[in-house]
C-alpha atoms as a PDB file:
ATOM      1  CA  MET A   1       0.000   0.000   0.000  1.00  0.00           C
ATOM      2  CA  ALA A   2       2.781   2.447   0.863  1.00  0.00           C
ATOM      3  CA  ARG A   3       4.363   1.963  -2.543  1.00  0.00           C
ATOM      4  CA  ARG A   4       1.058   2.416  -4.339  1.00  0.00           C
ATOM      5  CA  TRP A   5       0.395   5.732  -2.565  1.00  0.00           C
ATOM      6  CA  ASP A   6       4.085   6.680  -2.811  1.00  0.00           C
ATOM      7  CA  THR A   7       4.234   7.192   0.948  1.00  0.00           C
ATOM      8  CA  ALA A   8       7.354   5.051   1.204  1.00  0.00           C
ATOM      9  CA  ALA A   9       9.395   7.872  -0.294  1.00  0.00           C
ATOM     10  CA  GLY A  10      11.443   9.837   2.213  1.00  0.00           C
ATOM     11  CA  PRO A  11      13.551   9.046   5.239  1.00  0.00           C
ATOM     12  CA  VAL A  12      13.026   5.938   7.358  1.00  0.00           C
ATOM     13  CA  LEU A  13      12.364   7.009  10.938  1.00  0.00           C
ATOM     14  CA  ASP A  14      13.386   5.129  14.060  1.00  0.00           C
ATOM     15  CA  ALA A  15      10.645   3.509  16.112  1.00  0.00           C
ATOM     16  CA  VAL A  16       9.497   5.434  19.153  1.00  0.00           C
ATOM     17  CA  GLU A  17       8.971   4.051  22.628  1.00  0.00           C
ATOM     18  CA  ARG A  18       5.465   2.731  23.323  1.00  0.00           C
ATOM     19  CA  ASP A  19       3.419   5.290  25.286  1.00  0.00           C
ATOM     20  CA  GLU A  20       0.683   3.439  27.178  1.00  0.00           C
ATOM     21  CA  GLU A  21      -0.841   6.637  28.604  1.00  0.00           C
ATOM     22  CA  THR A  22      -1.299   8.136  25.138  1.00  0.00           C
ATOM     23  CA  LEU A  23      -2.664   4.871  23.737  1.00  0.00           C
ATOM     24  CA  ALA A  24      -5.205   4.713  26.573  1.00  0.00           C
ATOM     25  CA  ARG A  25      -6.269   8.319  25.858  1.00  0.00           C
ATOM     26  CA  ILE A  26      -6.701   7.571  22.148  1.00  0.00           C
ATOM     27  CA  ALA A  27      -8.688   4.413  22.950  1.00  0.00           C
ATOM     28  CA  GLY A  28     -10.970   6.431  25.230  1.00  0.00           C
ATOM     29  CA  VAL A  29     -11.591   9.092  22.610  1.00  0.00           C
ATOM     30  CA  LEU A  30     -12.346   6.508  19.922  1.00  0.00           C
ATOM     31  CA  SER A  31     -14.653   4.639  22.278  1.00  0.00           C
ATOM     32  CA  ASP A  32     -16.520   7.844  23.170  1.00  0.00           C
ATOM     33  CA  ALA A  33     -16.757   8.884  19.509  1.00  0.00           C
ATOM     34  CA  ALA A  34     -17.824   5.459  18.191  1.00  0.00           C
ATOM     35  CA  PRO A  35     -21.551   6.295  18.080  1.00  0.00           C
ATOM     36  CA  LEU A  36     -20.772   9.356  15.938  1.00  0.00           C
ATOM     37  CA  LEU A  37     -18.424   7.478  13.611  1.00  0.00           C
ATOM     38  CA  GLU A  38     -20.450   4.319  13.003  1.00  0.00           C
ATOM     39  CA  ARG A  39     -22.945   4.161  10.180  1.00  0.00           C
ATOM     40  CA  PRO A  40     -26.295   2.560  10.768  1.00  0.00           C
ATOM     41  CA  THR A  41     -26.594  -0.746   8.924  1.00  0.00           C
ATOM     42  CA  ASP A  42     -30.143  -0.003   7.727  1.00  0.00           C
ATOM     43  CA  THR A  43     -29.922   3.153   5.609  1.00  0.00           C
ATOM     44  CA  HIS A  44     -33.214   2.578   3.743  1.00  0.00           C
END
């Protein structure tokens, strides 16, 4: 996919340390926003 979108061009960056606090915050935001982001299955 990266090649197809040409996003592989550019420098290769080093991995960053896992940040559990930030991941938990993101998970909370996505969980709270889920009802706004999900489409109803019956759109008739």
